[in-house]
Structure formats: structure tokens, C-alpha cells
PDB file of N, CA and C in Angstrom:
ATOM      1  N   MET A   1       3.532   9.149   0.382  1.00  0.00           N
ATOM      2  CA  MET A   1       2.646  10.280   0.229  1.00  0.00           C
ATOM      3  C   MET A   1       3.485  11.536   0.008  1.00  0.00           C
ATOM      4  N   ASN A   2       2.927  12.450  -0.741  1.00  0.00           N
ATOM      5  CA  ASN A   2       3.651  13.703  -0.895  1.00  0.00           C
ATOM      6  C   ASN A   2       3.240  14.668   0.209  1.00  0.00           C
ATOM      7  N   THR A   3       3.921  15.774   0.270  1.00  0.00           N
ATOM      8  CA  THR A   3       3.689  16.717   1.368  1.00  0.00           C
ATOM      9  C   THR A   3       2.881  17.927   0.921  1.00  0.00           C
ATOM     10  N   THR A   4       2.072  17.764  -0.105  1.00  0.00           N
ATOM     11  CA  THR A   4       1.250  18.874  -0.555  1.00  0.00           C
ATOM     12  C   THR A   4       0.197  19.195   0.501  1.00  0.00           C
ATOM     13  N   GLU A   5      -0.360  20.387   0.368  1.00  0.00           N
ATOM     14  CA  GLU A   5      -1.375  20.821   1.332  1.00  0.00           C
ATOM     15  C   GLU A   5      -2.563  19.866   1.334  1.00  0.00           C
ATOM     16  N   LYS A   6      -3.026  19.547   2.504  1.00  0.00           N
ATOM     17  CA  LYS A   6      -4.168  18.642   2.668  1.00  0.00           C
ATOM     18  C   LYS A   6      -5.425  19.458   2.909  1.00  0.00           C
ATOM     19  N   VAL A   7      -6.536  18.941   2.464  1.00  0.00           N
ATOM     20  CA  VAL A   7      -7.821  19.579   2.715  1.00  0.00           C
ATOM     21  C   VAL A   7      -8.714  18.589   3.448  1.00  0.00           C
ATOM     22  N   ALA A   8      -9.530  19.102   4.327  1.00  0.00           N
ATOM     23  CA  ALA A   8     -10.463  18.251   5.073  1.00  0.00           C
ATOM     24  C   ALA A   8     -11.685  17.970   4.216  1.00  0.00           C
ATOM     25  N   THR A   9     -12.157  16.760   4.304  1.00  0.00           N
ATOM     26  CA  THR A   9     -13.379  16.368   3.611  1.00  0.00           C
ATOM     27  C   THR A   9     -14.104  15.357   4.478  1.00  0.00           C
ATOM     28  N   SER A  10     -15.367  15.200   4.252  1.00  0.00           N
ATOM     29  CA  SER A  10     -16.092  14.204   5.027  1.00  0.00           C
ATOM     30  C   SER A  10     -16.864  13.302   4.084  1.00  0.00           C
ATOM     31  N   ILE A  11     -17.018  12.060   4.493  1.00  0.00           N
ATOM     32  CA  ILE A  11     -17.803  11.087   3.738  1.00  0.00           C
ATOM     33  C   ILE A  11     -18.706  10.355   4.714  1.00  0.00           C
ATOM     34  N   ARG A  12     -19.763   9.797   4.199  1.00  0.00           N
ATOM     35  CA  ARG A  12     -20.667   9.009   5.028  1.00  0.00           C
ATOM     36  C   ARG A  12     -20.502   7.545   4.666  1.00  0.00           C
ATOM     37  N   ILE A  13     -20.121   6.761   5.659  1.00  0.00           N
ATOM     38  CA  ILE A  13     -19.983   5.312   5.478  1.00  0.00           C
ATOM     39  C   ILE A  13     -20.641   4.633   6.667  1.00  0.00           C
ATOM     40  N   SER A  14     -20.928   3.363   6.521  1.00  0.00           N
ATOM     41  CA  SER A  14     -21.561   2.639   7.622  1.00  0.00           C
ATOM     42  C   SER A  14     -20.593   2.509   8.792  1.00  0.00           C
ATOM     43  N   ARG A  15     -21.141   2.392   9.965  1.00  0.00           N
ATOM     44  CA  ARG A  15     -20.331   2.212  11.171  1.00  0.00           C
ATOM     45  C   ARG A  15     -19.496   0.932  11.059  1.00  0.00           C
ATOM     46  N   ASP A  16     -20.097  -0.130  10.515  1.00  0.00           N
ATOM     47  CA  ASP A  16     -19.362  -1.388  10.370  1.00  0.00           C
ATOM     48  C   ASP A  16     -18.153  -1.238   9.448  1.00  0.00           C
ATOM     49  N   LEU A  17     -18.348  -0.523   8.336  1.00  0.00           N
ATOM     50  CA  LEU A  17     -17.233  -0.302   7.415  1.00  0.00           C
ATOM     51  C   LEU A  17     -16.154   0.536   8.091  1.00  0.00           C
ATOM     52  N   ARG A  18     -16.542   1.569   8.809  1.00  0.00           N
ATOM     53  CA  ARG A  18     -15.568   2.408   9.524  1.00  0.00           C
ATOM     54  C   ARG A  18     -14.778   1.565  10.523  1.00  0.00           C
ATOM     55  N   ASN A  19     -15.459   0.716  11.264  1.00  0.00           N
ATOM     56  CA  ASN A  19     -14.776  -0.141  12.230  1.00  0.00           C
ATOM     57  C   ASN A  19     -13.806  -1.088  11.533  1.00  0.00           C
ATOM     58  N   HIS A  20     -14.255  -1.649  10.427  1.00  0.00           N
ATOM     59  CA  HIS A  20     -13.396  -2.557   9.656  1.00  0.00           C
ATOM     60  C   HIS A  20     -12.139  -1.829   9.180  1.00  0.00           C
ATOM     61  N   LEU A  21     -12.322  -0.618   8.642  1.00  0.00           N
ATOM     62  CA  LEU A  21     -11.188   0.157   8.149  1.00  0.00           C
ATOM     63  C   LEU A  21     -10.244   0.566   9.272  1.00  0.00           C
ATOM     64  N   GLN A  22     -10.796   0.879  10.434  1.00  0.00           N
ATOM     65  CA  GLN A  22      -9.942   1.217  11.579  1.00  0.00           C
ATOM     66  C   GLN A  22      -9.089   0.018  11.989  1.00  0.00           C
ATOM     67  N   ILE A  23      -9.664  -1.160  11.952  1.00  0.00           N
ATOM     68  CA  ILE A  23      -8.909  -2.375  12.288  1.00  0.00           C
ATOM     69  C   ILE A  23      -7.793  -2.593  11.276  1.00  0.00           C
ATOM     70  N   LYS A  24      -8.116  -2.471   9.987  1.00  0.00           N
ATOM     71  CA  LYS A  24      -7.104  -2.656   8.944  1.00  0.00           C
ATOM     72  C   LYS A  24      -5.971  -1.627   9.090  1.00  0.00           C
ATOM     73  N   ALA A  25      -6.328  -0.382   9.365  1.00  0.00           N
ATOM     74  CA  ALA A  25      -5.315   0.658   9.548  1.00  0.00           C
ATOM     75  C   ALA A  25      -4.423   0.343  10.739  1.00  0.00           C
ATOM     76  N   LYS A  26      -5.033  -0.081  11.832  1.00  0.00           N
ATOM     77  CA  LYS A  26      -4.266  -0.405  13.038  1.00  0.00           C
ATOM     78  C   LYS A  26      -3.304  -1.560  12.777  1.00  0.00           C
ATOM     79  N   GLN A  27      -3.741  -2.547  11.998  1.00  0.00           N
ATOM     80  CA  GLN A  27      -2.874  -3.689  11.664  1.00  0.00           C
ATOM     81  C   GLN A  27      -1.623  -3.235  10.909  1.00  0.00           C
ATOM     82  N   GLU A  28      -1.739  -2.151  10.182  1.00  0.00           N
ATOM     83  CA  GLU A  28      -0.601  -1.614   9.430  1.00  0.00           C
ATOM     84  C   GLU A  28       0.093  -0.469  10.174  1.00  0.00           C
ATOM     85  N   HIS A  29      -0.307  -0.268  11.434  1.00  0.00           N
ATOM     86  CA  HIS A  29       0.282   0.794  12.268  1.00  0.00           C
ATOM     87  C   HIS A  29       0.164   2.155  11.591  1.00  0.00           C
ATOM     88  N   ARG A  30      -1.037   2.439  11.082  1.00  0.00           N
ATOM     89  CA  ARG A  30      -1.294   3.695  10.391  1.00  0.00           C
ATOM     90  C   ARG A  30      -2.564   4.329  10.924  1.00  0.00           C
ATOM     91  N   SER A  31      -2.677   5.618  10.705  1.00  0.00           N
ATOM     92  CA  SER A  31      -3.921   6.292  11.086  1.00  0.00           C
ATOM     93  C   SER A  31      -5.005   5.914  10.080  1.00  0.00           C
ATOM     94  N   LEU A  32      -6.239   6.063  10.502  1.00  0.00           N
ATOM     95  CA  LEU A  32      -7.348   5.798   9.589  1.00  0.00           C
ATOM     96  C   LEU A  32      -7.262   6.734   8.388  1.00  0.00           C
ATOM     97  N   ASN A  33      -6.954   7.988   8.623  1.00  0.00           N
ATOM     98  CA  ASN A  33      -6.845   8.952   7.535  1.00  0.00           C
ATOM     99  C   ASN A  33      -5.779   8.527   6.523  1.00  0.00           C
ATOM    100  N   ASN A  34      -4.597   8.155   7.008  1.00  0.00           N
ATOM    101  CA  ASN A  34      -3.516   7.740   6.114  1.00  0.00           C
ATOM    102  C   ASN A  34      -3.903   6.478   5.356  1.00  0.00           C
ATOM    103  N   TYR A  35      -4.527   5.543   6.040  1.00  0.00           N
ATOM    104  CA  TYR A  35      -4.951   4.296   5.406  1.00  0.00           C
ATOM    105  C   TYR A  35      -5.941   4.579   4.279  1.00  0.00           C
ATOM    106  N   LEU A  36      -6.943   5.421   4.546  1.00  0.00           N
ATOM    107  CA  LEU A  36      -7.944   5.750   3.531  1.00  0.00           C
ATOM    108  C   LEU A  36      -7.320   6.499   2.355  1.00  0.00           C
ATOM    109  N   GLU A  37      -6.431   7.436   2.654  1.00  0.00           N
ATOM    110  CA  GLU A  37      -5.789   8.184   1.578  1.00  0.00           C
ATOM    111  C   GLU A  37      -4.992   7.250   0.676  1.00  0.00           C
ATOM    112  N   THR A  38      -4.279   6.312   1.264  1.00  0.00           N
ATOM    113  CA  THR A  38      -3.499   5.357   0.481  1.00  0.00           C
ATOM    114  C   THR A  38      -4.408   4.483  -0.372  1.00  0.00           C
ATOM    115  N   LEU A  39      -5.498   3.987   0.208  1.00  0.00           N
ATOM    116  CA  LEU A  39      -6.446   3.186  -0.566  1.00  0.00           C
ATOM    117  C   LEU A  39      -6.992   3.960  -1.759  1.00  0.00           C
ATOM    118  N   LEU A  40      -7.348   5.211  -1.527  1.00  0.00           N
ATOM    119  CA  LEU A  40      -7.898   6.033  -2.599  1.00  0.00           C
ATOM    120  C   LEU A  40      -6.862   6.331  -3.679  1.00  0.00           C
ATOM    121  N   LEU A  41      -5.629   6.597  -3.276  1.00  0.00           N
ATOM    122  CA  LEU A  41      -4.565   6.841  -4.255  1.00  0.00           C
ATOM    123  C   LEU A  41      -4.350   5.618  -5.138  1.00  0.00           C
ATOM    124  N   GLU A  42      -4.313   4.444  -4.526  1.00  0.00           N
ATOM    125  CA  GLU A  42      -4.093   3.214  -5.286  1.00  0.00           C
ATOM    126  C   GLU A  42      -5.293   2.863  -6.156  1.00  0.00           C
ATOM    127  N   ALA A  43      -6.488   2.965  -5.611  1.00  0.00           N
ATOM    128  CA  ALA A  43      -7.696   2.597  -6.349  1.00  0.00           C
ATOM    129  C   ALA A  43      -7.955   3.522  -7.532  1.00  0.00           C
ATOM    130  N   SER A  44      -7.562   4.776  -7.401  1.00  0.00           N
ATOM    131  CA  SER A  44      -7.829   5.739  -8.469  1.00  0.00           C
ATOM    132  C   SER A  44      -6.670   5.853  -9.455  1.00  0.00           C
ATOM    133  N   ASP A  45      -5.603   5.075  -9.224  1.00  0.00           N
ATOM    134  CA  ASP A  45      -4.416   5.121 -10.086  1.00  0.00           C
ATOM    135  C   ASP A  45      -3.875   6.547 -10.177  1.00  0.00           C
ATOM    136  N   TYR A  46      -3.886   7.237  -9.055  1.00  0.00           N
ATOM    137  CA  TYR A  46      -3.449   8.630  -8.987  1.00  0.00           C
ATOM    138  C   TYR A  46      -1.988   8.780  -9.410  1.00  0.00           C
ATOM    139  N   TYR A  47      -1.142   7.866  -8.922  1.00  0.00           N
ATOM    140  CA  TYR A  47       0.263   7.877  -9.315  1.00  0.00           C
ATOM    141  C   TYR A  47       0.455   6.859 -10.424  1.00  0.00           C
ATOM    142  N   LYS A  48       0.882   7.328 -11.567  1.00  0.00           N
ATOM    143  CA  LYS A  48       1.137   6.421 -12.686  1.00  0.00           C
ATOM    144  C   LYS A  48       2.452   5.698 -12.442  1.00  0.00           C
ATOM    145  N   ARG A  49       2.434   4.405 -12.632  1.00  0.00           N
ATOM    146  CA  ARG A  49       3.646   3.605 -12.434  1.00  0.00           C
ATOM    147  C   ARG A  49       4.522   3.691 -13.681  1.00  0.00           C
ATOM    148  N   ASN A  50       5.835   3.778 -13.451  1.00  0.00           N
ATOM    149  CA  ASN A  50       6.749   3.823 -14.590  1.00  0.00           C
ATOM    150  C   ASN A  50       7.007   2.411 -15.105  1.00  0.00           C
ATOM    151  N   GLU A  51       7.683   2.304 -16.227  1.00  0.00           N
ATOM    152  CA  GLU A  51       7.872   0.998 -16.867  1.00  0.00           C
ATOM    153  C   GLU A  51       8.692   0.044 -16.004  1.00  0.00           C
ATOM    154  N   THR A  52       9.656   0.546 -15.251  1.00  0.00           N
ATOM    155  CA  THR A  52      10.451  -0.309 -14.371  1.00  0.00           C
ATOM    156  C   THR A  52       9.571  -0.949 -13.297  1.00  0.00           C
ATOM    157  N   THR A  53       8.699  -0.151 -12.705  1.00  0.00           N
ATOM    158  CA  THR A  53       7.789  -0.669 -11.684  1.00  0.00           C
ATOM    159  C   THR A  53       6.816  -1.671 -12.287  1.00  0.00           C
ATOM    160  N   LEU A  54       6.268  -1.354 -13.454  1.00  0.00           N
ATOM    161  CA  LEU A  54       5.337  -2.270 -14.122  1.00  0.00           C
ATOM    162  C   LEU A  54       6.015  -3.600 -14.455  1.00  0.00           C
ATOM    163  N   ALA A  55       7.272  -3.543 -14.887  1.00  0.00           N
ATOM    164  CA  ALA A  55       8.017  -4.770 -15.197  1.00  0.00           C
ATOM    165  C   ALA A  55       8.223  -5.604 -13.928  1.00  0.00           C
ATOM    166  N   ALA A  56       8.516  -4.950 -12.812  1.00  0.00           N
ATOM    167  CA  ALA A  56       8.698  -5.670 -11.547  1.00  0.00           C
ATOM    168  C   ALA A  56       7.387  -6.316 -11.102  1.00  0.00           C
ATOM    169  N   ILE A  57       6.286  -5.623 -11.273  1.00  0.00           N
ATOM    170  CA  ILE A  57       4.981  -6.190 -10.924  1.00  0.00           C
ATOM    171  C   ILE A  57       4.680  -7.408 -11.790  1.00  0.00           C
ATOM    172  N   ARG A  58       4.937  -7.296 -13.091  1.00  0.00           N
ATOM    173  CA  ARG A  58       4.709  -8.443 -13.994  1.00  0.00           C
ATOM    174  C   ARG A  58       5.580  -9.630 -13.597  1.00  0.00           C
ATOM    175  N   GLU A  59       6.824  -9.360 -13.219  1.00  0.00           N
ATOM    176  CA  GLU A  59       7.734 -10.441 -12.821  1.00  0.00           C
ATOM    177  C   GLU A  59       7.193 -11.171 -11.595  1.00  0.00           C
ATOM    178  N   ILE A  60       6.715 -10.425 -10.624  1.00  0.00           N
ATOM    179  CA  ILE A  60       6.151 -11.044  -9.419  1.00  0.00           C
ATOM    180  C   ILE A  60       4.911 -11.858  -9.768  1.00  0.00           C
ATOM    181  N   GLU A  61       4.056 -11.302 -10.612  1.00  0.00           N
ATOM    182  CA  GLU A  61       2.827 -11.999 -10.989  1.00  0.00           C
ATOM    183  C   GLU A  61       3.109 -13.281 -11.763  1.00  0.00           C
ATOM    184  N   GLU A  62       4.124 -13.244 -12.618  1.00  0.00           N
ATOM    185  CA  GLU A  62       4.438 -14.399 -13.467  1.00  0.00           C
ATOM    186  C   GLU A  62       5.327 -15.424 -12.786  1.00  0.00           C
ATOM    187  N   HIS A  63       6.243 -14.975 -11.946  1.00  0.00           N
ATOM    188  CA  HIS A  63       7.247 -15.880 -11.382  1.00  0.00           C
ATOM    189  C   HIS A  63       7.350 -15.793  -9.863  1.00  0.00           C
ATOM    190  N   GLY A  64       6.366 -15.208  -9.219  1.00  0.00           N
ATOM    191  CA  GLY A  64       6.431 -14.970  -7.782  1.00  0.00           C
ATOM    192  C   GLY A  64       6.714 -16.206  -6.952  1.00  0.00           C
ATOM    193  N   ASP A  65       6.154 -17.342  -7.356  1.00  0.00           N
ATOM    194  CA  ASP A  65       6.346 -18.564  -6.575  1.00  0.00           C
ATOM    195  C   ASP A  65       7.769 -19.083  -6.636  1.00  0.00           C
ATOM    196  N   SER A  66       8.493 -18.747  -7.705  1.00  0.00           N
ATOM    197  CA  SER A  66       9.862 -19.271  -7.854  1.00  0.00           C
ATOM    198  C   SER A  66      10.935 -18.285  -7.392  1.00  0.00           C
ATOM    199  N   LEU A  67      10.549 -17.079  -7.021  1.00  0.00           N
ATOM    200  CA  LEU A  67      11.532 -16.098  -6.570  1.00  0.00           C
ATOM    201  C   LEU A  67      11.954 -16.373  -5.130  1.00  0.00           C
ATOM    202  N   LYS A  68      13.215 -16.124  -4.845  1.00  0.00           N
ATOM    203  CA  LYS A  68      13.725 -16.332  -3.501  1.00  0.00           C
ATOM    204  C   LYS A  68      13.091 -15.317  -2.553  1.00  0.00           C
ATOM    205  N   ARG A  69      12.738 -15.783  -1.374  1.00  0.00           N
ATOM    206  CA  ARG A  69      12.095 -14.915  -0.386  1.00  0.00           C
ATOM    207  C   ARG A  69      13.024 -14.742   0.812  1.00  0.00           C
ATOM    208  N   TYR A  70      12.888 -13.583   1.451  1.00  0.00           N
ATOM    209  CA  TYR A  70      13.684 -13.258   2.630  1.00  0.00           C
ATOM    210  C   TYR A  70      12.746 -12.895   3.773  1.00  0.00           C
ATOM    211  N   ASN A  71      13.151 -13.235   4.981  1.00  0.00           N
ATOM    212  CA  ASN A  71      12.341 -12.934   6.159  1.00  0.00           C
ATOM    213  C   ASN A  71      12.605 -11.538   6.703  1.00  0.00           C
ATOM    214  N   ASN A  72      13.763 -10.982   6.360  1.00  0.00           N
ATOM    215  CA  ASN A  72      14.099  -9.650   6.847  1.00  0.00           C
ATOM    216  C   ASN A  72      15.228  -9.071   5.988  1.00  0.00           C
ATOM    217  N   ALA A  73      15.507  -7.813   6.197  1.00  0.00           N
ATOM    218  CA  ALA A  73      16.520  -7.123   5.399  1.00  0.00           C
ATOM    219  C   ALA A  73      17.914  -7.712   5.615  1.00  0.00           C
ATOM    220  N   GLU A  74      18.198  -8.168   6.824  1.00  0.00           N
ATOM    221  CA  GLU A  74      19.516  -8.742   7.106  1.00  0.00           C
ATOM    222  C   GLU A  74      19.780  -9.956   6.219  1.00  0.00           C
ATOM    223  N   GLU A  75      18.780 -10.814   6.057  1.00  0.00           N
ATOM    224  CA  GLU A  75      18.929 -11.973   5.181  1.00  0.00           C
ATOM    225  C   GLU A  75      19.187 -11.553   3.735  1.00  0.00           C
ATOM    226  N   LEU A  76      18.465 -10.564   3.298  1.00  0.00           N
ATOM    227  CA  LEU A  76      18.633 -10.070   1.930  1.00  0.00           C
ATOM    228  C   LEU A  76      20.052  -9.543   1.724  1.00  0.00           C
ATOM    229  N   PHE A  77      20.520  -8.680   2.622  1.00  0.00           N
ATOM    230  CA  PHE A  77      21.847  -8.080   2.466  1.00  0.00           C
ATOM    231  C   PHE A  77      22.962  -9.110   2.616  1.00  0.00           C
ATOM    232  N   ALA A  78      22.754 -10.123   3.415  1.00  0.00           N
ATOM    233  CA  ALA A  78      23.749 -11.175   3.562  1.00  0.00           C
ATOM    234  C   ALA A  78      23.879 -11.982   2.279  1.00  0.00           C
ATOM    235  N   ASP A  79      22.811 -12.013   1.495  1.00  0.00           N
ATOM    236  CA  ASP A  79      22.799 -12.796   0.271  1.00  0.00           C
ATOM    237  C   ASP A  79      23.336 -12.025  -0.936  1.00  0.00           C
ATOM    238  N   ILE A  80      23.539 -10.744  -0.769  1.00  0.00           N
ATOM    239  CA  ILE A  80      24.005  -9.920  -1.902  1.00  0.00           C
ATOM    240  C   ILE A  80      25.506 -10.047  -2.069  1.00  0.00           C
TER     241      ILE A  80
END
């Protein structure tokens, strides 16, 4: 997220949806506000992805099953 000035806004959603979103945010160790802002940024394509990022996404989509996976950063760095 960038550090630009934030403005308060309100929306009306069902209690069940709010509860669901709070659970999802908690699972990611984030505030509900941060979780919602991130969802909105991604859903609205607010940040345009550059060609390098798009190429990496295509690679994962096309070859994700055959790419080597790591359980943590230590494993990754040990393999470099």
C-alpha cells in the first residue's frame, strides 16, 4: 500500500459478509480495513502490472505444477 492520505468512507454490507471478511482478514493477520482496501485495489486493477510481473504470472499459470517449491526462505536461499 502507498502512504497517501486516507479518507474515511462507509458502506453497507450484510452482517454475515462483514463477519466473513473479518475472519479472512484475521487469517492473514490484517485489519479489516487493510484487507478490504487490498481486495478493492486488486479487484479494480488500480495498480497496473508491468510486463515482468505479467510474465511471472503467466509462468506460474502455465508451469506452476512443475516449478520447485520451498517451505521457507531458508530453503530458497540454501538452494541459490
